[in-house]
Amino acid sequence: MLDENRGPSDGIVFTASALDTTGIATVGGTRLLTGLNHLELAWSPDAESQVNSWLG
């Protein structure tokens, strides 16, 4: 559903849901990249840089 507006979100996924680590044994890190929607994470230089640093 595009244009989700019932709470803080990127228009597709709620922020709280995206950052929820319940049930994940090891969390490498989290970072909220403002100004990007969920789909833009696939090609954003900021997102790519963050993932590369986690995998480093």
N, C-alpha and C. Protein backbone atom coordinates (compact mmCIF):
# COMPACT_ATOMS: atom_id res chain seq x y z
N MET A 1 0.86 -1.17 0.00
CA MET A 1 0.00 0.00 0.00
C MET A 1 0.90 1.23 0.00
N LEU A 2 0.87 1.98 -1.04
CA LEU A 2 1.67 3.20 -1.15
C LEU A 2 0.97 4.33 -0.41
N ASP A 3 1.73 5.25 0.11
CA ASP A 3 1.24 6.42 0.85
C ASP A 3 0.68 6.05 2.21
N GLU A 4 1.33 5.12 2.89
CA GLU A 4 0.96 4.77 4.27
C GLU A 4 1.11 6.01 5.13
N ASN A 5 0.06 6.38 5.84
CA ASN A 5 0.13 7.62 6.61
C ASN A 5 -0.47 7.49 8.01
N ARG A 6 -0.62 6.27 8.51
CA ARG A 6 -1.21 6.07 9.84
C ARG A 6 -0.18 6.17 10.95
N GLY A 7 1.06 6.42 10.62
CA GLY A 7 2.13 6.56 11.60
C GLY A 7 3.42 6.88 10.86
N PRO A 8 4.50 7.10 11.62
CA PRO A 8 5.78 7.39 10.96
C PRO A 8 6.18 6.26 10.01
N SER A 9 6.42 6.61 8.77
CA SER A 9 6.77 5.61 7.76
C SER A 9 7.48 6.29 6.60
N ASP A 10 7.92 5.47 5.66
CA ASP A 10 8.49 6.00 4.43
C ASP A 10 7.46 5.98 3.31
N GLY A 11 6.22 5.77 3.67
CA GLY A 11 5.15 5.68 2.69
C GLY A 11 4.80 4.25 2.33
N ILE A 12 5.67 3.31 2.72
CA ILE A 12 5.43 1.90 2.43
C ILE A 12 5.50 1.06 3.70
N VAL A 13 6.54 1.28 4.51
CA VAL A 13 6.78 0.49 5.72
C VAL A 13 6.85 1.41 6.93
N PHE A 14 6.19 1.01 8.03
CA PHE A 14 6.27 1.78 9.26
C PHE A 14 7.71 1.77 9.78
N THR A 15 8.18 2.91 10.27
CA THR A 15 9.53 3.02 10.82
C THR A 15 9.74 2.02 11.95
N ALA A 16 8.81 1.92 12.87
CA ALA A 16 8.94 1.00 14.00
C ALA A 16 9.08 -0.44 13.51
N SER A 17 8.37 -0.80 12.48
CA SER A 17 8.45 -2.15 11.94
C SER A 17 9.80 -2.39 11.28
N ALA A 18 10.28 -1.41 10.54
CA ALA A 18 11.56 -1.56 9.85
C ALA A 18 12.72 -1.68 10.84
N LEU A 19 12.62 -1.04 11.99
CA LEU A 19 13.70 -1.05 12.97
C LEU A 19 13.54 -2.12 14.05
N ASP A 20 12.46 -2.89 13.99
CA ASP A 20 12.21 -3.91 15.01
C ASP A 20 13.17 -5.08 14.85
N THR A 21 13.88 -5.42 15.91
CA THR A 21 14.83 -6.52 15.86
C THR A 21 14.39 -7.71 16.72
N THR A 22 13.13 -7.73 17.11
CA THR A 22 12.61 -8.84 17.91
C THR A 22 12.82 -10.17 17.18
N GLY A 23 13.42 -11.13 17.85
CA GLY A 23 13.63 -12.44 17.27
C GLY A 23 14.90 -12.57 16.44
N ILE A 24 15.66 -11.50 16.33
CA ILE A 24 16.91 -11.55 15.58
C ILE A 24 18.05 -11.68 16.59
N ALA A 25 18.78 -12.78 16.53
CA ALA A 25 19.80 -13.06 17.54
C ALA A 25 20.96 -12.07 17.50
N THR A 26 21.41 -11.72 16.31
CA THR A 26 22.55 -10.81 16.18
C THR A 26 22.16 -9.67 15.25
N VAL A 27 22.27 -8.46 15.76
CA VAL A 27 21.96 -7.27 14.97
C VAL A 27 23.26 -6.53 14.71
N GLY A 28 23.61 -6.39 13.44
CA GLY A 28 24.84 -5.70 13.08
C GLY A 28 24.75 -4.21 13.29
N GLY A 29 23.55 -3.68 13.26
CA GLY A 29 23.35 -2.26 13.46
C GLY A 29 22.08 -1.80 12.79
N THR A 30 21.65 -0.63 13.14
CA THR A 30 20.51 -0.03 12.48
C THR A 30 20.85 1.42 12.17
N ARG A 31 20.24 1.93 11.15
CA ARG A 31 20.40 3.33 10.80
C ARG A 31 19.16 3.77 10.05
N LEU A 32 18.62 4.89 10.44
CA LEU A 32 17.46 5.45 9.76
C LEU A 32 17.95 6.46 8.74
N LEU A 33 17.76 6.17 7.47
CA LEU A 33 18.16 7.07 6.39
C LEU A 33 16.95 7.91 5.99
N THR A 34 16.89 9.12 6.47
CA THR A 34 15.74 9.97 6.17
C THR A 34 15.81 10.47 4.73
N GLY A 35 14.66 10.76 4.18
CA GLY A 35 14.59 11.27 2.82
C GLY A 35 14.53 10.19 1.76
N LEU A 36 14.62 8.92 2.17
CA LEU A 36 14.54 7.81 1.23
C LEU A 36 13.29 6.99 1.53
N ASN A 37 12.66 6.47 0.50
CA ASN A 37 11.59 5.53 0.76
C ASN A 37 12.18 4.12 0.73
N HIS A 38 11.37 3.15 1.11
CA HIS A 38 11.84 1.78 1.26
C HIS A 38 12.45 1.23 -0.03
N LEU A 39 11.90 1.58 -1.16
CA LEU A 39 12.40 1.07 -2.44
C LEU A 39 13.72 1.71 -2.83
N GLU A 40 13.92 2.97 -2.47
CA GLU A 40 15.16 3.67 -2.83
C GLU A 40 16.39 3.12 -2.11
N LEU A 41 16.17 2.33 -1.06
CA LEU A 41 17.31 1.73 -0.36
C LEU A 41 18.12 0.81 -1.27
N ALA A 42 17.52 0.34 -2.34
CA ALA A 42 18.22 -0.57 -3.26
C ALA A 42 19.29 0.14 -4.09
N TRP A 43 19.17 1.45 -4.29
CA TRP A 43 20.15 2.15 -5.13
C TRP A 43 20.73 3.41 -4.51
N SER A 44 20.38 3.73 -3.31
CA SER A 44 20.90 4.92 -2.65
C SER A 44 22.37 4.76 -2.28
N PRO A 45 23.22 5.71 -2.66
CA PRO A 45 24.63 5.64 -2.26
C PRO A 45 24.81 5.60 -0.74
N ASP A 46 23.96 6.34 0.01
CA ASP A 46 24.06 6.33 1.47
C ASP A 46 23.76 4.94 2.03
N ALA A 47 22.73 4.29 1.48
CA ALA A 47 22.38 2.95 1.95
C ALA A 47 23.47 1.95 1.59
N GLU A 48 23.99 2.04 0.38
CA GLU A 48 25.06 1.14 -0.05
C GLU A 48 26.29 1.30 0.83
N SER A 49 26.65 2.53 1.13
CA SER A 49 27.80 2.79 1.98
C SER A 49 27.60 2.22 3.38
N GLN A 50 26.39 2.38 3.92
CA GLN A 50 26.11 1.86 5.26
C GLN A 50 26.20 0.34 5.30
N VAL A 51 25.62 -0.32 4.33
CA VAL A 51 25.67 -1.79 4.28
C VAL A 51 27.11 -2.27 4.11
N ASN A 52 27.85 -1.61 3.26
CA ASN A 52 29.27 -1.98 3.06
C ASN A 52 30.05 -1.84 4.36
N SER A 53 29.78 -0.79 5.13
CA SER A 53 30.50 -0.62 6.40
C SER A 53 30.14 -1.70 7.39
N TRP A 54 28.87 -2.15 7.40
CA TRP A 54 28.48 -3.23 8.28
C TRP A 54 29.13 -4.55 7.87
N LEU A 55 29.27 -4.76 6.57
CA LEU A 55 29.84 -6.01 6.09
C LEU A 55 31.37 -6.00 6.11
N GLY A 56 31.95 -4.77 6.11
CA GLY A 56 33.37 -4.50 6.06
C GLY A 56 34.24 -5.51 6.63
